[in-house]
Amino acid sequence: MFKFWQKAMALMVGLATSLPLFAQEKAAMADLMRSNGKIYIVVAVCLTILIGLFLYVTSIDRKISRLEKENKNQS
C-alpha cells in the first residue's frame, strides 16, 4: 500500500512541476521560421542527424556482436 502512495505522490509532484510549462507563450521564432519555410530545413537536419546516429549505433552493435562471437569461439 505504501508503494502505491509513493508512486501517487511522485506523479502529483511531477504533474505540479510541469504545469508552468503549459503557460508559456507561443515562440515567435518558431512562427517566423514556419512562415519563411525554414522550419522544414531544421526538421530535415534533425532527422538526418538522428538517422546518422541510429546507423552508427547499429553498426557499432554489429561489430561488438561479431567480436563477442569471435571471442566466444576462441574460448
PDB file of N, CA and C in Angstrom:
ATOM      1  N   MET A   1       0.824  -1.197   0.000  1.00  0.00           N
ATOM      2  CA  MET A   1       0.000   0.000   0.000  1.00  0.00           C
ATOM      3  C   MET A   1       0.864   1.255   0.000  1.00  0.00           C
ATOM      4  N   PHE A   2       2.006   1.176   0.700  1.00  0.00           N
ATOM      5  CA  PHE A   2       2.893   2.332   0.775  1.00  0.00           C
ATOM      6  C   PHE A   2       3.469   2.670  -0.597  1.00  0.00           C
ATOM      7  N   LYS A   3       3.783   1.632  -1.391  1.00  0.00           N
ATOM      8  CA  LYS A   3       4.348   1.889  -2.725  1.00  0.00           C
ATOM      9  C   LYS A   3       3.340   2.620  -3.604  1.00  0.00           C
ATOM     10  N   PHE A   4       2.060   2.286  -3.455  1.00  0.00           N
ATOM     11  CA  PHE A   4       1.028   2.968  -4.225  1.00  0.00           C
ATOM     12  C   PHE A   4       1.028   4.460  -3.916  1.00  0.00           C
ATOM     13  N   TRP A   5       1.050   4.798  -2.628  1.00  0.00           N
ATOM     14  CA  TRP A   5       1.027   6.215  -2.235  1.00  0.00           C
ATOM     15  C   TRP A   5       2.311   6.914  -2.647  1.00  0.00           C
ATOM     16  N   GLN A   6       3.417   6.203  -2.600  1.00  0.00           N
ATOM     17  CA  GLN A   6       4.691   6.787  -3.015  1.00  0.00           C
ATOM     18  C   GLN A   6       4.648   7.111  -4.513  1.00  0.00           C
ATOM     19  N   LYS A   7       4.129   6.188  -5.313  1.00  0.00           N
ATOM     20  CA  LYS A   7       4.012   6.428  -6.755  1.00  0.00           C
ATOM     21  C   LYS A   7       3.008   7.542  -7.047  1.00  0.00           C
ATOM     22  N   ALA A   8       1.918   7.566  -6.296  1.00  0.00           N
ATOM     23  CA  ALA A   8       0.910   8.605  -6.496  1.00  0.00           C
ATOM     24  C   ALA A   8       1.474   9.986  -6.175  1.00  0.00           C
ATOM     25  N   MET A   9       2.231  10.067  -5.090  1.00  0.00           N
ATOM     26  CA  MET A   9       2.840  11.358  -4.729  1.00  0.00           C
ATOM     27  C   MET A   9       3.873  11.786  -5.763  1.00  0.00           C
ATOM     28  N   ALA A  10       4.650  10.841  -6.278  1.00  0.00           N
ATOM     29  CA  ALA A  10       5.637  11.166  -7.311  1.00  0.00           C
ATOM     30  C   ALA A  10       4.931  11.678  -8.564  1.00  0.00           C
ATOM     31  N   LEU A  11       3.802  11.061  -8.904  1.00  0.00           N
ATOM     32  CA  LEU A  11       3.038  11.515 -10.061  1.00  0.00           C
ATOM     33  C   LEU A  11       2.494  12.924  -9.840  1.00  0.00           C
ATOM     34  N   MET A  12       1.964  13.181  -8.653  1.00  0.00           N
ATOM     35  CA  MET A  12       1.419  14.506  -8.344  1.00  0.00           C
ATOM     36  C   MET A  12       2.510  15.579  -8.386  1.00  0.00           C
ATOM     37  N   VAL A  13       3.667  15.281  -7.837  1.00  0.00           N
ATOM     38  CA  VAL A  13       4.774  16.240  -7.857  1.00  0.00           C
ATOM     39  C   VAL A  13       5.219  16.484  -9.296  1.00  0.00           C
ATOM     40  N   GLY A  14       5.298  15.422 -10.091  1.00  0.00           N
ATOM     41  CA  GLY A  14       5.672  15.575 -11.492  1.00  0.00           C
ATOM     42  C   GLY A  14       4.688  16.424 -12.269  1.00  0.00           C
ATOM     43  N   LEU A  15       3.407  16.195 -12.046  1.00  0.00           N
ATOM     44  CA  LEU A  15       2.384  16.991 -12.728  1.00  0.00           C
ATOM     45  C   LEU A  15       2.402  18.444 -12.268  1.00  0.00           C
ATOM     46  N   ALA A  16       2.613  18.659 -10.975  1.00  0.00           N
ATOM     47  CA  ALA A  16       2.619  20.018 -10.441  1.00  0.00           C
ATOM     48  C   ALA A  16       3.818  20.807 -10.956  1.00  0.00           C
ATOM     49  N   THR A  17       4.963  20.151 -11.112  1.00  0.00           N
ATOM     50  CA  THR A  17       6.141  20.873 -11.585  1.00  0.00           C
ATOM     51  C   THR A  17       6.101  21.119 -13.086  1.00  0.00           C
ATOM     52  N   SER A  18       5.350  20.300 -13.828  1.00  0.00           N
ATOM     53  CA  SER A  18       5.284  20.510 -15.268  1.00  0.00           C
ATOM     54  C   SER A  18       4.167  21.471 -15.667  1.00  0.00           C
ATOM     55  N   LEU A  19       3.297  21.824 -14.754  1.00  0.00           N
ATOM     56  CA  LEU A  19       2.185  22.716 -15.058  1.00  0.00           C
ATOM     57  C   LEU A  19       2.639  24.075 -15.598  1.00  0.00           C
ATOM     58  N   PRO A  20       3.675  24.723 -15.049  1.00  0.00           N
ATOM     59  CA  PRO A  20       4.096  26.006 -15.605  1.00  0.00           C
ATOM     60  C   PRO A  20       4.587  25.916 -17.047  1.00  0.00           C
ATOM     61  N   LEU A  21       4.971  24.754 -17.509  1.00  0.00           N
ATOM     62  CA  LEU A  21       5.434  24.620 -18.885  1.00  0.00           C
ATOM     63  C   LEU A  21       4.318  24.888 -19.886  1.00  0.00           C
ATOM     64  N   PHE A  22       3.082  24.611 -19.506  1.00  0.00           N
ATOM     65  CA  PHE A  22       1.960  24.824 -20.405  1.00  0.00           C
ATOM     66  C   PHE A  22       1.529  26.288 -20.457  1.00  0.00           C
ATOM     67  N   ALA A  23       2.036  27.106 -19.566  1.00  0.00           N
ATOM     68  CA  ALA A  23       1.636  28.506 -19.506  1.00  0.00           C
ATOM     69  C   ALA A  23       2.533  29.406 -20.350  1.00  0.00           C
ATOM     70  N   GLN A  24       3.478  28.822 -21.066  1.00  0.00           N
ATOM     71  CA  GLN A  24       4.380  29.637 -21.858  1.00  0.00           C
ATOM     72  C   GLN A  24       3.684  30.154 -23.106  1.00  0.00           C
ATOM     73  N   GLU A  25       4.158  31.307 -23.560  1.00  0.00           N
ATOM     74  CA  GLU A  25       3.596  31.896 -24.768  1.00  0.00           C
ATOM     75  C   GLU A  25       4.133  31.168 -25.992  1.00  0.00           C
ATOM     76  N   LYS A  26       3.499  31.449 -27.126  1.00  0.00           N
ATOM     77  CA  LYS A  26       3.966  30.869 -28.375  1.00  0.00           C
ATOM     78  C   LYS A  26       5.331  31.446 -28.718  1.00  0.00           C
ATOM     79  N   ALA A  27       6.195  30.608 -29.255  1.00  0.00           N
ATOM     80  CA  ALA A  27       7.536  31.055 -29.620  1.00  0.00           C
ATOM     81  C   ALA A  27       7.468  31.837 -30.927  1.00  0.00           C
ATOM     82  N   ALA A  28       7.927  33.056 -30.878  1.00  0.00           N
ATOM     83  CA  ALA A  28       7.900  33.903 -32.066  1.00  0.00           C
ATOM     84  C   ALA A  28       8.873  33.393 -33.122  1.00  0.00           C
ATOM     85  N   MET A  29      10.001  32.820 -32.653  1.00  0.00           N
ATOM     86  CA  MET A  29      10.995  32.322 -33.597  1.00  0.00           C
ATOM     87  C   MET A  29      10.425  31.157 -34.406  1.00  0.00           C
ATOM     88  N   ALA A  30       9.661  30.284 -33.769  1.00  0.00           N
ATOM     89  CA  ALA A  30       9.076  29.151 -34.479  1.00  0.00           C
ATOM     90  C   ALA A  30       8.064  29.634 -35.515  1.00  0.00           C
ATOM     91  N   ASP A  31       7.275  30.631 -35.161  1.00  0.00           N
ATOM     92  CA  ASP A  31       6.311  31.177 -36.125  1.00  0.00           C
ATOM     93  C   ASP A  31       7.019  31.828 -37.308  1.00  0.00           C
ATOM     94  N   LEU A  32       8.111  32.524 -37.029  1.00  0.00           N
ATOM     95  CA  LEU A  32       8.871  33.164 -38.103  1.00  0.00           C
ATOM     96  C   LEU A  32       9.485  32.123 -39.022  1.00  0.00           C
ATOM     97  N   MET A  33      10.078  31.080 -38.430  1.00  0.00           N
ATOM     98  CA  MET A  33      10.695  30.034 -39.251  1.00  0.00           C
ATOM     99  C   MET A  33       9.646  29.275 -40.052  1.00  0.00           C
ATOM    100  N   ARG A  34       8.479  29.056 -39.453  1.00  0.00           N
ATOM    101  CA  ARG A  34       7.408  28.359 -40.151  1.00  0.00           C
ATOM    102  C   ARG A  34       6.892  29.209 -41.314  1.00  0.00           C
ATOM    103  N   SER A  35       6.788  30.510 -41.117  1.00  0.00           N
ATOM    104  CA  SER A  35       6.278  31.377 -42.184  1.00  0.00           C
ATOM    105  C   SER A  35       7.278  31.503 -43.323  1.00  0.00           C
ATOM    106  N   ASN A  36       8.562  31.420 -43.021  1.00  0.00           N
ATOM    107  CA  ASN A  36       9.585  31.505 -44.065  1.00  0.00           C
ATOM    108  C   ASN A  36       9.868  30.158 -44.713  1.00  0.00           C
ATOM    109  N   GLY A  37       9.350  29.079 -44.143  1.00  0.00           N
ATOM    110  CA  GLY A  37       9.596  27.756 -44.686  1.00  0.00           C
ATOM    111  C   GLY A  37      10.903  27.144 -44.214  1.00  0.00           C
ATOM    112  N   LYS A  38      11.603  27.817 -43.305  1.00  0.00           N
ATOM    113  CA  LYS A  38      12.889  27.310 -42.831  1.00  0.00           C
ATOM    114  C   LYS A  38      12.732  26.218 -41.775  1.00  0.00           C
ATOM    115  N   ILE A  39      11.550  26.089 -41.221  1.00  0.00           N
ATOM    116  CA  ILE A  39      11.339  25.064 -40.207  1.00  0.00           C
ATOM    117  C   ILE A  39      11.535  23.683 -40.819  1.00  0.00           C
ATOM    118  N   TYR A  40      11.234  23.535 -42.105  1.00  0.00           N
ATOM    119  CA  TYR A  40      11.411  22.247 -42.762  1.00  0.00           C
ATOM    120  C   TYR A  40      12.893  21.903 -42.901  1.00  0.00           C
ATOM    121  N   ILE A  41      13.725  22.910 -43.063  1.00  0.00           N
ATOM    122  CA  ILE A  41      15.171  22.685 -43.117  1.00  0.00           C
ATOM    123  C   ILE A  41      15.666  22.218 -41.759  1.00  0.00           C
ATOM    124  N   VAL A  42      15.183  22.839 -40.703  1.00  0.00           N
ATOM    125  CA  VAL A  42      15.581  22.447 -39.346  1.00  0.00           C
ATOM    126  C   VAL A  42      15.147  21.012 -39.070  1.00  0.00           C
ATOM    127  N   VAL A  43      13.927  20.670 -39.454  1.00  0.00           N
ATOM    128  CA  VAL A  43      13.431  19.306 -39.248  1.00  0.00           C
ATOM    129  C   VAL A  43      14.256  18.320 -40.063  1.00  0.00           C
ATOM    130  N   ALA A  44      14.594  18.668 -41.292  1.00  0.00           N
ATOM    131  CA  ALA A  44      15.393  17.773 -42.137  1.00  0.00           C
ATOM    132  C   ALA A  44      16.781  17.548 -41.545  1.00  0.00           C
ATOM    133  N   VAL A  45      17.396  18.602 -41.030  1.00  0.00           N
ATOM    134  CA  VAL A  45      18.721  18.458 -40.416  1.00  0.00           C
ATOM    135  C   VAL A  45      18.637  17.585 -39.171  1.00  0.00           C
ATOM    136  N   CYS A  46      17.620  17.802 -38.344  1.00  0.00           N
ATOM    137  CA  CYS A  46      17.452  16.986 -37.131  1.00  0.00           C
ATOM    138  C   CYS A  46      17.237  15.521 -37.493  1.00  0.00           C
ATOM    139  N   LEU A  47      16.399  15.263 -38.488  1.00  0.00           N
ATOM    140  CA  LEU A  47      16.168  13.885 -38.914  1.00  0.00           C
ATOM    141  C   LEU A  47      17.432  13.247 -39.472  1.00  0.00           C
ATOM    142  N   THR A  48      18.212  14.006 -40.227  1.00  0.00           N
ATOM    143  CA  THR A  48      19.469  13.492 -40.769  1.00  0.00           C
ATOM    144  C   THR A  48      20.425  13.110 -39.656  1.00  0.00           C
ATOM    145  N   ILE A  49      20.522  13.956 -38.652  1.00  0.00           N
ATOM    146  CA  ILE A  49      21.407  13.665 -37.517  1.00  0.00           C
ATOM    147  C   ILE A  49      20.919  12.426 -36.769  1.00  0.00           C
ATOM    148  N   LEU A  50      19.613  12.332 -36.521  1.00  0.00           N
ATOM    149  CA  LEU A  50      19.072  11.174 -35.808  1.00  0.00           C
ATOM    150  C   LEU A  50      19.257   9.879 -36.596  1.00  0.00           C
ATOM    151  N   ILE A  51      19.035   9.926 -37.885  1.00  0.00           N
ATOM    152  CA  ILE A  51      19.234   8.735 -38.720  1.00  0.00           C
ATOM    153  C   ILE A  51      20.704   8.341 -38.726  1.00  0.00           C
ATOM    154  N   GLY A  52      21.593   9.322 -38.809  1.00  0.00           N
ATOM    155  CA  GLY A  52      23.027   9.040 -38.757  1.00  0.00           C
ATOM    156  C   GLY A  52      23.432   8.402 -37.445  1.00  0.00           C
ATOM    157  N   LEU A  53      22.906   8.924 -36.338  1.00  0.00           N
ATOM    158  CA  LEU A  53      23.213   8.333 -35.031  1.00  0.00           C
ATOM    159  C   LEU A  53      22.679   6.909 -34.936  1.00  0.00           C
ATOM    160  N   PHE A  54      21.476   6.676 -35.435  1.00  0.00           N
ATOM    161  CA  PHE A  54      20.894   5.340 -35.413  1.00  0.00           C
ATOM    162  C   PHE A  54      21.743   4.360 -36.227  1.00  0.00           C
ATOM    163  N   LEU A  55      22.175   4.776 -37.407  1.00  0.00           N
ATOM    164  CA  LEU A  55      23.014   3.910 -38.236  1.00  0.00           C
ATOM    165  C   LEU A  55      24.363   3.647 -37.563  1.00  0.00           C
ATOM    166  N   TYR A  56      24.927   4.653 -36.921  1.00  0.00           N
ATOM    167  CA  TYR A  56      26.209   4.488 -36.234  1.00  0.00           C
ATOM    168  C   TYR A  56      26.081   3.495 -35.082  1.00  0.00           C
ATOM    169  N   VAL A  57      25.027   3.643 -34.275  1.00  0.00           N
ATOM    170  CA  VAL A  57      24.830   2.738 -33.143  1.00  0.00           C
ATOM    171  C   VAL A  57      24.573   1.316 -33.641  1.00  0.00           C
ATOM    172  N   THR A  58      23.829   1.178 -34.723  1.00  0.00           N
ATOM    173  CA  THR A  58      23.572  -0.144 -35.287  1.00  0.00           C
ATOM    174  C   THR A  58      24.860  -0.793 -35.770  1.00  0.00           C
ATOM    175  N   SER A  59      25.712  -0.024 -36.447  1.00  0.00           N
ATOM    176  CA  SER A  59      26.967  -0.596 -36.933  1.00  0.00           C
ATOM    177  C   SER A  59      27.890  -0.965 -35.776  1.00  0.00           C
ATOM    178  N   ILE A  60      27.939  -0.147 -34.735  1.00  0.00           N
ATOM    179  CA  ILE A  60      28.748  -0.465 -33.557  1.00  0.00           C
ATOM    180  C   ILE A  60      28.218  -1.729 -32.889  1.00  0.00           C
ATOM    181  N   ASP A  61      26.898  -1.885 -32.819  1.00  0.00           N
ATOM    182  CA  ASP A  61      26.304  -3.073 -32.212  1.00  0.00           C
ATOM    183  C   ASP A  61      26.680  -4.324 -33.005  1.00  0.00           C
ATOM    184  N   ARG A  62      26.645  -4.238 -34.310  1.00  0.00           N
ATOM    185  CA  ARG A  62      27.021  -5.388 -35.145  1.00  0.00           C
ATOM    186  C   ARG A  62      28.486  -5.760 -34.933  1.00  0.00           C
ATOM    187  N   LYS A  63      29.355  -4.754 -34.867  1.00  0.00           N
ATOM    188  CA  LYS A  63      30.780  -5.021 -34.660  1.00  0.00           C
ATOM    189  C   LYS A  63      31.027  -5.664 -33.305  1.00  0.00           C
ATOM    190  N   ILE A  64      30.349  -5.162 -32.279  1.00  0.00           N
ATOM    191  CA  ILE A  64      30.516  -5.726 -30.933  1.00  0.00           C
ATOM    192  C   ILE A  64      29.992  -7.159 -30.901  1.00  0.00           C
ATOM    193  N   SER A  65      28.862  -7.412 -31.541  1.00  0.00           N
ATOM    194  CA  SER A  65      28.314  -8.769 -31.586  1.00  0.00           C
ATOM    195  C   SER A  65      29.275  -9.716 -32.289  1.00  0.00           C
ATOM    196  N   ARG A  66      29.865  -9.253 -33.383  1.00  0.00           N
ATOM    197  CA  ARG A  66      30.823 -10.082 -34.116  1.00  0.00           C
ATOM    198  C   ARG A  66      32.047 -10.369 -33.263  1.00  0.00           C
ATOM    199  N   LEU A  67      32.566  -9.358 -32.566  1.00  0.00           N
ATOM    200  CA  LEU A  67      33.723  -9.553 -31.695  1.00  0.00           C
ATOM    201  C   LEU A  67      33.403 -10.488 -30.535  1.00  0.00           C
ATOM    202  N   GLU A  68      32.204 -10.366 -29.974  1.00  0.00           N
ATOM    203  CA  GLU A  68      31.808 -11.267 -28.875  1.00  0.00           C
ATOM    204  C   GLU A  68      31.718 -12.706 -29.379  1.00  0.00           C
ATOM    205  N   LYS A  69      31.191 -12.874 -30.577  1.00  0.00           N
ATOM    206  CA  LYS A  69      31.061 -14.221 -31.128  1.00  0.00           C
ATOM    207  C   LYS A  69      32.462 -14.812 -31.393  1.00  0.00           C
ATOM    208  N   GLU A  70      33.388 -14.001 -31.931  1.00  0.00           N
ATOM    209  CA  GLU A  70      34.757 -14.476 -32.175  1.00  0.00           C
ATOM    210  C   GLU A  70      35.449 -14.816 -30.862  1.00  0.00           C
ATOM    211  N   ASN A  71      35.237 -13.997 -29.844  1.00  0.00           N
ATOM    212  CA  ASN A  71      35.853 -14.232 -28.557  1.00  0.00           C
ATOM    213  C   ASN A  71      35.288 -15.496 -27.910  1.00  0.00           C
ATOM    214  N   LYS A  72      34.008 -15.739 -28.081  1.00  0.00           N
ATOM    215  CA  LYS A  72      33.369 -16.932 -27.511  1.00  0.00           C
ATOM    216  C   LYS A  72      33.885 -18.188 -28.216  1.00  0.00           C
ATOM    217  N   ASN A  73      34.108 -18.104 -29.529  1.00  0.00           N
ATOM    218  CA  ASN A  73      34.601 -19.244 -30.280  1.00  0.00           C
ATOM    219  C   ASN A  73      36.058 -19.566 -29.921  1.00  0.00           C
ATOM    220  N   GLN A  74      36.838 -18.558 -29.551  1.00  0.00           N
ATOM    221  CA  GLN A  74      38.239 -18.779 -29.186  1.00  0.00           C
ATOM    222  C   GLN A  74      38.377 -19.405 -27.808  1.00  0.00           C
ATOM    223  N   SER A  75      37.407 -19.190 -26.949  1.00  0.00           N
ATOM    224  CA  SER A  75      37.494 -19.723 -25.584  1.00  0.00           C
ATOM    225  C   SER A  75      37.216 -21.193 -25.499  1.00  0.00           C
TER     226      SER A  75
END
